[in-house]
Amino acid sequence: IAYISVPGKTGPEAYRPRPLMEDVLVLGVDQYMG
């Protein structure tokens, strides 16, 4: 999910969520793959 900044808005309305992709496989976290 992308959180896009909305100019002129504050509080919870300052960012607009936009779905990007679903069901994405995580390969690694930092340099850890186990």
PDB file of all heavy atoms in Angstrom:
ATOM      1  N   ILE A   1       0.857  -1.180   0.000  1.00  0.00           N
ATOM      2  CA  ILE A   1       0.000   0.000   0.000  1.00  0.00           C
ATOM      3  C   ILE A   1       0.894   1.231   0.000  1.00  0.00           C
ATOM      4  O   ILE A   1       1.856   1.305   0.770  1.00  0.00           O
ATOM      5  CB  ILE A   1      -0.923   0.030   1.230  1.00  0.00           C
ATOM      6  CG1 ILE A   1      -1.730  -1.281   1.316  1.00  0.00           C
ATOM      7  CG2 ILE A   1      -1.848   1.233   1.200  1.00  0.00           C
ATOM      8  CD1 ILE A   1      -2.471  -1.443   2.622  1.00  0.00           C
ATOM      9  N   ALA A   2       0.576   2.201  -0.872  1.00  0.00           N
ATOM     10  CA  ALA A   2       1.313   3.460  -0.909  1.00  0.00           C
ATOM     11  C   ALA A   2       0.529   4.515  -0.137  1.00  0.00           C
ATOM     12  O   ALA A   2      -0.696   4.664  -0.324  1.00  0.00           O
ATOM     13  CB  ALA A   2       1.525   3.904  -2.350  1.00  0.00           C
ATOM     14  N   TYR A   3       1.232   5.239   0.750  1.00  0.00           N
ATOM     15  CA  TYR A   3       0.625   6.341   1.491  1.00  0.00           C
ATOM     16  C   TYR A   3       1.079   7.640   0.827  1.00  0.00           C
ATOM     17  O   TYR A   3       2.237   8.041   0.943  1.00  0.00           O
ATOM     18  CB  TYR A   3       1.036   6.297   2.955  1.00  0.00           C
ATOM     19  CG  TYR A   3       0.462   5.109   3.695  1.00  0.00           C
ATOM     20  CD1 TYR A   3       1.232   3.970   3.915  1.00  0.00           C
ATOM     21  CD2 TYR A   3      -0.849   5.116   4.148  1.00  0.00           C
ATOM     22  CE1 TYR A   3       0.707   2.876   4.574  1.00  0.00           C
ATOM     23  CE2 TYR A   3      -1.380   4.019   4.815  1.00  0.00           C
ATOM     24  CZ  TYR A   3      -0.595   2.911   5.020  1.00  0.00           C
ATOM     25  OH  TYR A   3      -1.127   1.825   5.668  1.00  0.00           O
ATOM     26  N   ILE A   4       0.144   8.295   0.125  1.00  0.00           N
ATOM     27  CA  ILE A   4       0.456   9.493  -0.660  1.00  0.00           C
ATOM     28  C   ILE A   4       0.054  10.736   0.127  1.00  0.00           C
ATOM     29  O   ILE A   4      -1.065  10.822   0.659  1.00  0.00           O
ATOM     30  CB  ILE A   4      -0.285   9.454  -2.011  1.00  0.00           C
ATOM     31  CG1 ILE A   4       0.078   8.166  -2.759  1.00  0.00           C
ATOM     32  CG2 ILE A   4       0.046  10.673  -2.848  1.00  0.00           C
ATOM     33  CD1 ILE A   4      -0.727   7.948  -4.011  1.00  0.00           C
ATOM     34  N   SER A   5       0.968  11.696   0.206  1.00  0.00           N
ATOM     35  CA  SER A   5       0.702  12.937   0.929  1.00  0.00           C
ATOM     36  C   SER A   5      -0.316  13.782   0.178  1.00  0.00           C
ATOM     37  O   SER A   5      -0.236  13.941  -1.053  1.00  0.00           O
ATOM     38  CB  SER A   5       2.009  13.719   1.113  1.00  0.00           C
ATOM     39  OG  SER A   5       1.760  14.948   1.748  1.00  0.00           O
ATOM     40  N   VAL A   6      -1.285  14.313   0.918  1.00  0.00           N
ATOM     41  CA  VAL A   6      -2.318  15.180   0.342  1.00  0.00           C
ATOM     42  C   VAL A   6      -2.024  16.613   0.767  1.00  0.00           C
ATOM     43  O   VAL A   6      -2.103  16.945   1.959  1.00  0.00           O
ATOM     44  CB  VAL A   6      -3.723  14.756   0.812  1.00  0.00           C
ATOM     45  CG1 VAL A   6      -4.782  15.683   0.201  1.00  0.00           C
ATOM     46  CG2 VAL A   6      -3.992  13.305   0.437  1.00  0.00           C
ATOM     47  N   PRO A   7      -1.659  17.499  -0.172  1.00  0.00           N
ATOM     48  CA  PRO A   7      -1.329  18.884   0.195  1.00  0.00           C
ATOM     49  C   PRO A   7      -2.512  19.587   0.861  1.00  0.00           C
ATOM     50  O   PRO A   7      -3.671  19.413   0.466  1.00  0.00           O
ATOM     51  CB  PRO A   7      -0.968  19.532  -1.138  1.00  0.00           C
ATOM     52  CG  PRO A   7      -0.610  18.381  -2.042  1.00  0.00           C
ATOM     53  CD  PRO A   7      -1.485  17.257  -1.605  1.00  0.00           C
ATOM     54  N   GLY A   8      -2.207  20.352   1.879  1.00  0.00           N
ATOM     55  CA  GLY A   8      -3.220  21.150   2.543  1.00  0.00           C
ATOM     56  C   GLY A   8      -4.055  20.407   3.557  1.00  0.00           C
ATOM     57  O   GLY A   8      -4.960  21.001   4.159  1.00  0.00           O
ATOM     58  N   LYS A   9      -3.802  19.138   3.766  1.00  0.00           N
ATOM     59  CA  LYS A   9      -4.584  18.364   4.717  1.00  0.00           C
ATOM     60  C   LYS A   9      -3.723  18.043   5.935  1.00  0.00           C
ATOM     61  O   LYS A   9      -2.495  17.946   5.859  1.00  0.00           O
ATOM     62  CB  LYS A   9      -5.074  17.055   4.088  1.00  0.00           C
ATOM     63  CG  LYS A   9      -6.002  17.255   2.897  1.00  0.00           C
ATOM     64  CD  LYS A   9      -7.343  17.840   3.325  1.00  0.00           C
ATOM     65  CE  LYS A   9      -8.302  17.942   2.155  1.00  0.00           C
ATOM     66  NZ  LYS A   9      -9.621  18.465   2.566  1.00  0.00           N
ATOM     67  N   THR A  10      -4.376  17.870   7.067  1.00  0.00           N
ATOM     68  CA  THR A  10      -3.683  17.505   8.294  1.00  0.00           C
ATOM     69  C   THR A  10      -4.390  16.340   8.948  1.00  0.00           C
ATOM     70  O   THR A  10      -5.531  16.007   8.591  1.00  0.00           O
ATOM     71  CB  THR A  10      -3.636  18.703   9.262  1.00  0.00           C
ATOM     72  OG1 THR A  10      -4.989  19.112   9.561  1.00  0.00           O
ATOM     73  CG2 THR A  10      -2.872  19.875   8.660  1.00  0.00           C
ATOM     74  N   GLY A  11      -3.719  15.755   9.934  1.00  0.00           N
ATOM     75  CA  GLY A  11      -4.319  14.651  10.666  1.00  0.00           C
ATOM     76  C   GLY A  11      -4.464  13.426   9.799  1.00  0.00           C
ATOM     77  O   GLY A  11      -3.684  13.180   8.869  1.00  0.00           O
ATOM     78  N   PRO A  12      -5.486  12.622  10.072  1.00  0.00           N
ATOM     79  CA  PRO A  12      -5.675  11.386   9.299  1.00  0.00           C
ATOM     80  C   PRO A  12      -5.896  11.627   7.815  1.00  0.00           C
ATOM     81  O   PRO A  12      -5.666  10.729   7.005  1.00  0.00           O
ATOM     82  CB  PRO A  12      -6.919  10.757   9.944  1.00  0.00           C
ATOM     83  CG  PRO A  12      -6.990  11.351  11.303  1.00  0.00           C
ATOM     84  CD  PRO A  12      -6.451  12.746  11.180  1.00  0.00           C
ATOM     85  N   GLU A  13      -6.359  12.834   7.433  1.00  0.00           N
ATOM     86  CA  GLU A  13      -6.614  13.115   6.026  1.00  0.00           C
ATOM     87  C   GLU A  13      -5.376  13.599   5.286  1.00  0.00           C
ATOM     88  O   GLU A  13      -5.444  13.909   4.095  1.00  0.00           O
ATOM     89  CB  GLU A  13      -7.718  14.166   5.918  1.00  0.00           C
ATOM     90  CG  GLU A  13      -9.048  13.720   6.507  1.00  0.00           C
ATOM     91  CD  GLU A  13     -10.111  14.798   6.393  1.00  0.00           C
ATOM     92  OE1 GLU A  13      -9.748  15.920   5.974  1.00  0.00           O
ATOM     93  OE2 GLU A  13     -11.275  14.515   6.709  1.00  0.00           O
ATOM     94  N   ALA A  14      -4.231  13.694   5.991  1.00  0.00           N
ATOM     95  CA  ALA A  14      -3.020  14.196   5.351  1.00  0.00           C
ATOM     96  C   ALA A  14      -2.405  13.175   4.399  1.00  0.00           C
ATOM     97  O   ALA A  14      -1.572  13.539   3.567  1.00  0.00           O
ATOM     98  CB  ALA A  14      -1.994  14.592   6.413  1.00  0.00           C
ATOM     99  N   TYR A  15      -2.819  11.921   4.495  1.00  0.00           N
ATOM    100  CA  TYR A  15      -2.290  10.866   3.630  1.00  0.00           C
ATOM    101  C   TYR A  15      -3.430  10.052   3.037  1.00  0.00           C
ATOM    102  O   TYR A  15      -4.415   9.746   3.718  1.00  0.00           O
ATOM    103  CB  TYR A  15      -1.340   9.949   4.404  1.00  0.00           C
ATOM    104  CG  TYR A  15      -0.107  10.663   4.905  1.00  0.00           C
ATOM    105  CD1 TYR A  15      -0.082  11.246   6.166  1.00  0.00           C
ATOM    106  CD2 TYR A  15       1.017  10.762   4.107  1.00  0.00           C
ATOM    107  CE1 TYR A  15       1.035  11.908   6.626  1.00  0.00           C
ATOM    108  CE2 TYR A  15       2.146  11.423   4.548  1.00  0.00           C
ATOM    109  CZ  TYR A  15       2.154  11.995   5.812  1.00  0.00           C
ATOM    110  OH  TYR A  15       3.260  12.657   6.248  1.00  0.00           O
ATOM    111  N   ARG A  16      -3.264   9.737   1.779  1.00  0.00           N
ATOM    112  CA  ARG A  16      -4.286   8.963   1.075  1.00  0.00           C
ATOM    113  C   ARG A  16      -3.687   7.596   0.718  1.00  0.00           C
ATOM    114  O   ARG A  16      -2.720   7.515  -0.043  1.00  0.00           O
ATOM    115  CB  ARG A  16      -4.724   9.698  -0.184  1.00  0.00           C
ATOM    116  CG  ARG A  16      -5.716   8.910  -1.054  1.00  0.00           C
ATOM    117  CD  ARG A  16      -6.254   9.787  -2.166  1.00  0.00           C
ATOM    118  NE  ARG A  16      -5.183  10.370  -2.950  1.00  0.00           N
ATOM    119  CZ  ARG A  16      -4.614   9.757  -3.989  1.00  0.00           C
ATOM    120  NH1 ARG A  16      -5.020   8.545  -4.356  1.00  0.00           N
ATOM    121  NH2 ARG A  16      -3.649  10.355  -4.671  1.00  0.00           N
ATOM    122  N   PRO A  17      -4.243   6.497   1.250  1.00  0.00           N
ATOM    123  CA  PRO A  17      -3.704   5.170   0.915  1.00  0.00           C
ATOM    124  C   PRO A  17      -4.109   4.749  -0.495  1.00  0.00           C
ATOM    125  O   PRO A  17      -5.239   4.984  -0.925  1.00  0.00           O
ATOM    126  CB  PRO A  17      -4.323   4.262   1.981  1.00  0.00           C
ATOM    127  CG  PRO A  17      -5.588   4.950   2.365  1.00  0.00           C
ATOM    128  CD  PRO A  17      -5.344   6.420   2.226  1.00  0.00           C
ATOM    129  N   ARG A  18      -3.189   4.149  -1.214  1.00  0.00           N
ATOM    130  CA  ARG A  18      -3.480   3.641  -2.559  1.00  0.00           C
ATOM    131  C   ARG A  18      -2.951   2.214  -2.673  1.00  0.00           C
ATOM    132  O   ARG A  18      -1.741   1.982  -2.570  1.00  0.00           O
ATOM    133  CB  ARG A  18      -2.820   4.515  -3.627  1.00  0.00           C
ATOM    134  CG  ARG A  18      -3.079   4.012  -5.072  1.00  0.00           C
ATOM    135  CD  ARG A  18      -2.593   5.029  -6.071  1.00  0.00           C
ATOM    136  NE  ARG A  18      -1.152   5.108  -6.116  1.00  0.00           N
ATOM    137  CZ  ARG A  18      -0.381   4.351  -6.914  1.00  0.00           C
ATOM    138  NH1 ARG A  18      -0.939   3.453  -7.724  1.00  0.00           N
ATOM    139  NH2 ARG A  18       0.941   4.487  -6.919  1.00  0.00           N
ATOM    140  N   PRO A  19      -3.830   1.223  -2.838  1.00  0.00           N
ATOM    141  CA  PRO A  19      -3.367  -0.161  -2.985  1.00  0.00           C
ATOM    142  C   PRO A  19      -2.480  -0.304  -4.222  1.00  0.00           C
ATOM    143  O   PRO A  19      -2.796   0.202  -5.296  1.00  0.00           O
ATOM    144  CB  PRO A  19      -4.667  -0.963  -3.130  1.00  0.00           C
ATOM    145  CG  PRO A  19      -5.726  -0.076  -2.563  1.00  0.00           C
ATOM    146  CD  PRO A  19      -5.302   1.324  -2.853  1.00  0.00           C
ATOM    147  N   LEU A  20      -1.379  -0.989  -4.055  1.00  0.00           N
ATOM    148  CA  LEU A  20      -0.449  -1.203  -5.166  1.00  0.00           C
ATOM    149  C   LEU A  20      -0.502  -2.633  -5.683  1.00  0.00           C
ATOM    150  O   LEU A  20      -0.733  -2.875  -6.865  1.00  0.00           O
ATOM    151  CB  LEU A  20       0.983  -0.871  -4.720  1.00  0.00           C
ATOM    152  CG  LEU A  20       1.286   0.596  -4.435  1.00  0.00           C
ATOM    153  CD1 LEU A  20       2.719   0.743  -3.949  1.00  0.00           C
ATOM    154  CD2 LEU A  20       1.067   1.445  -5.673  1.00  0.00           C
ATOM    155  N   MET A  21      -0.254  -3.597  -4.802  1.00  0.00           N
ATOM    156  CA  MET A  21      -0.217  -4.994  -5.221  1.00  0.00           C
ATOM    157  C   MET A  21      -0.716  -5.878  -4.093  1.00  0.00           C
ATOM    158  O   MET A  21      -0.636  -5.505  -2.919  1.00  0.00           O
ATOM    159  CB  MET A  21       1.212  -5.420  -5.605  1.00  0.00           C
ATOM    160  CG  MET A  21       1.712  -4.850  -6.907  1.00  0.00           C
ATOM    161  SD  MET A  21       3.162  -5.788  -7.464  1.00  0.00           S
ATOM    162  CE  MET A  21       2.422  -7.405  -7.710  1.00  0.00           C
ATOM    163  N   GLU A  22      -1.216  -7.043  -4.464  1.00  0.00           N
ATOM    164  CA  GLU A  22      -1.678  -8.028  -3.495  1.00  0.00           C
ATOM    165  C   GLU A  22      -0.846  -9.307  -3.599  1.00  0.00           C
ATOM    166  O   GLU A  22      -0.318  -9.631  -4.663  1.00  0.00           O
ATOM    167  CB  GLU A  22      -3.159  -8.370  -3.720  1.00  0.00           C
ATOM    168  CG  GLU A  22      -4.112  -7.207  -3.526  1.00  0.00           C
ATOM    169  CD  GLU A  22      -5.555  -7.616  -3.767  1.00  0.00           C
ATOM    170  OE1 GLU A  22      -5.764  -8.724  -4.325  1.00  0.00           O
ATOM    171  OE2 GLU A  22      -6.461  -6.853  -3.401  1.00  0.00           O
ATOM    172  N   ASP A  23      -0.756 -10.016  -2.470  1.00  0.00           N
ATOM    173  CA  ASP A  23      -0.132 -11.340  -2.424  1.00  0.00           C
ATOM    174  C   ASP A  23       1.288 -11.318  -2.980  1.00  0.00           C
ATOM    175  O   ASP A  23       1.612 -12.000  -3.951  1.00  0.00           O
ATOM    176  CB  ASP A  23      -0.994 -12.344  -3.190  1.00  0.00           C
ATOM    177  CG  ASP A  23      -0.519 -13.774  -2.969  1.00  0.00           C
ATOM    178  OD1 ASP A  23       0.130 -14.021  -1.946  1.00  0.00           O
ATOM    179  OD2 ASP A  23      -0.782 -14.630  -3.834  1.00  0.00           O
ATOM    180  N   VAL A  24       2.162 -10.545  -2.354  1.00  0.00           N
ATOM    181  CA  VAL A  24       3.555 -10.433  -2.778  1.00  0.00           C
ATOM    182  C   VAL A  24       4.414 -11.279  -1.847  1.00  0.00           C
ATOM    183  O   VAL A  24       4.296 -11.204  -0.625  1.00  0.00           O
ATOM    184  CB  VAL A  24       4.017  -8.967  -2.751  1.00  0.00           C
ATOM    185  CG1 VAL A  24       5.482  -8.864  -3.163  1.00  0.00           C
ATOM    186  CG2 VAL A  24       3.150  -8.127  -3.682  1.00  0.00           C
ATOM    187  N   LEU A  25       5.306 -12.082  -2.436  1.00  0.00           N
ATOM    188  CA  LEU A  25       6.175 -12.960  -1.655  1.00  0.00           C
ATOM    189  C   LEU A  25       7.351 -12.170  -1.092  1.00  0.00           C
ATOM    190  O   LEU A  25       8.030 -11.432  -1.816  1.00  0.00           O
ATOM    191  CB  LEU A  25       6.695 -14.102  -2.533  1.00  0.00           C
ATOM    192  CG  LEU A  25       7.747 -15.030  -1.906  1.00  0.00           C
ATOM    193  CD1 LEU A  25       7.169 -15.789  -0.721  1.00  0.00           C
ATOM    194  CD2 LEU A  25       8.288 -16.000  -2.954  1.00  0.00           C
ATOM    195  N   VAL A  26       7.608 -12.339   0.203  1.00  0.00           N
ATOM    196  CA  VAL A  26       8.758 -11.714   0.870  1.00  0.00           C
ATOM    197  C   VAL A  26       9.946 -12.667   0.773  1.00  0.00           C
ATOM    198  O   VAL A  26       9.888 -13.804   1.263  1.00  0.00           O
ATOM    199  CB  VAL A  26       8.438 -11.392   2.345  1.00  0.00           C
ATOM    200  CG1 VAL A  26       9.660 -10.794   3.032  1.00  0.00           C
ATOM    201  CG2 VAL A  26       7.252 -10.446   2.441  1.00  0.00           C
ATOM    202  N   LEU A  27      11.039 -12.207   0.154  1.00  0.00           N
ATOM    203  CA  LEU A  27      12.241 -13.026   0.007  1.00  0.00           C
ATOM    204  C   LEU A  27      13.214 -12.848   1.160  1.00  0.00           C
ATOM    205  O   LEU A  27      13.870 -13.804   1.573  1.00  0.00           O
ATOM    206  CB  LEU A  27      12.953 -12.686  -1.309  1.00  0.00           C
ATOM    207  CG  LEU A  27      12.232 -13.039  -2.603  1.00  0.00           C
ATOM    208  CD1 LEU A  27      13.036 -12.544  -3.790  1.00  0.00           C
ATOM    209  CD2 LEU A  27      11.988 -14.531  -2.712  1.00  0.00           C
ATOM    210  N   GLY A  28      13.322 -11.629   1.659  1.00  0.00           N
ATOM    211  CA  GLY A  28      14.292 -11.382   2.713  1.00  0.00           C
ATOM    212  C   GLY A  28      13.952 -10.150   3.513  1.00  0.00           C
ATOM    213  O   GLY A  28      13.193  -9.288   3.071  1.00  0.00           O
ATOM    214  N   VAL A  29      14.494 -10.107   4.725  1.00  0.00           N
ATOM    215  CA  VAL A  29      14.344  -8.965   5.615  1.00  0.00           C
ATOM    216  C   VAL A  29      15.734  -8.493   5.968  1.00  0.00           C
ATOM    217  O   VAL A  29      16.513  -9.246   6.580  1.00  0.00           O
ATOM    218  CB  VAL A  29      13.542  -9.337   6.877  1.00  0.00           C
ATOM    219  CG1 VAL A  29      13.500  -8.174   7.839  1.00  0.00           C
ATOM    220  CG2 VAL A  29      12.137  -9.773   6.500  1.00  0.00           C
ATOM    221  N   ASP A  30      16.065  -7.245   5.585  1.00  0.00           N
ATOM    222  CA  ASP A  30      17.438  -6.770   5.659  1.00  0.00           C
ATOM    223  C   ASP A  30      18.312  -7.771   4.903  1.00  0.00           C
ATOM    224  O   ASP A  30      18.087  -8.000   3.728  1.00  0.00           O
ATOM    225  CB  ASP A  30      17.872  -6.584   7.110  1.00  0.00           C
ATOM    226  CG  ASP A  30      17.445  -5.205   7.635  1.00  0.00           C
ATOM    227  OD1 ASP A  30      16.964  -4.396   6.830  1.00  0.00           O
ATOM    228  OD2 ASP A  30      17.566  -4.941   8.827  1.00  0.00           O
ATOM    229  N   GLN A  31      19.292  -8.402   5.560  1.00  0.00           N
ATOM    230  CA  GLN A  31      20.142  -9.388   4.891  1.00  0.00           C
ATOM    231  C   GLN A  31      19.854 -10.804   5.382  1.00  0.00           C
ATOM    232  O   GLN A  31      20.702 -11.685   5.268  1.00  0.00           O
ATOM    233  CB  GLN A  31      21.621  -9.052   5.121  1.00  0.00           C
ATOM    234  CG  GLN A  31      22.040  -7.757   4.458  1.00  0.00           C
ATOM    235  CD  GLN A  31      23.504  -7.452   4.652  1.00  0.00           C
ATOM    236  OE1 GLN A  31      24.155  -7.991   5.534  1.00  0.00           O
ATOM    237  NE2 GLN A  31      24.039  -6.576   3.827  1.00  0.00           N
ATOM    238  N   TYR A  32      18.672 -11.009   5.898  1.00  0.00           N
ATOM    239  CA  TYR A  32      18.294 -12.325   6.423  1.00  0.00           C
ATOM    240  C   TYR A  32      17.287 -12.967   5.488  1.00  0.00           C
ATOM    241  O   TYR A  32      16.292 -12.340   5.111  1.00  0.00           O
ATOM    242  CB  TYR A  32      17.712 -12.185   7.827  1.00  0.00           C
ATOM    243  CG  TYR A  32      17.358 -13.502   8.457  1.00  0.00           C
ATOM    244  CD1 TYR A  32      18.348 -14.360   8.924  1.00  0.00           C
ATOM    245  CD2 TYR A  32      16.035 -13.894   8.587  1.00  0.00           C
ATOM    246  CE1 TYR A  32      18.031 -15.575   9.492  1.00  0.00           C
ATOM    247  CE2 TYR A  32      15.708 -15.106   9.149  1.00  0.00           C
ATOM    248  CZ  TYR A  32      16.705 -15.943   9.602  1.00  0.00           C
ATOM    249  OH  TYR A  32      16.384 -17.145  10.162  1.00  0.00           O
ATOM    250  N   MET A  33      17.554 -14.253   5.097  1.00  0.00           N
ATOM    251  CA  MET A  33      16.681 -14.950   4.157  1.00  0.00           C
ATOM    252  C   MET A  33      16.041 -16.197   4.746  1.00  0.00           C
ATOM    253  O   MET A  33      15.208 -16.817   4.107  1.00  0.00           O
ATOM    254  CB  MET A  33      17.471 -15.350   2.908  1.00  0.00           C
ATOM    255  CG  MET A  33      18.031 -14.192   2.128  1.00  0.00           C
ATOM    256  SD  MET A  33      19.020 -14.748   0.724  1.00  0.00           S
ATOM    257  CE  MET A  33      20.448 -15.453   1.555  1.00  0.00           C
ATOM    258  N   GLY A  34      16.433 -16.596   5.969  1.00  0.00           N
ATOM    259  CA  GLY A  34      15.918 -17.832   6.546  1.00  0.00           C
ATOM    260  C   GLY A  34      14.486 -17.697   7.010  1.00  0.00           C
ATOM    261  O   GLY A  34      13.974 -16.599   7.259  1.00  0.00           O
TER     262      GLY A  34
END
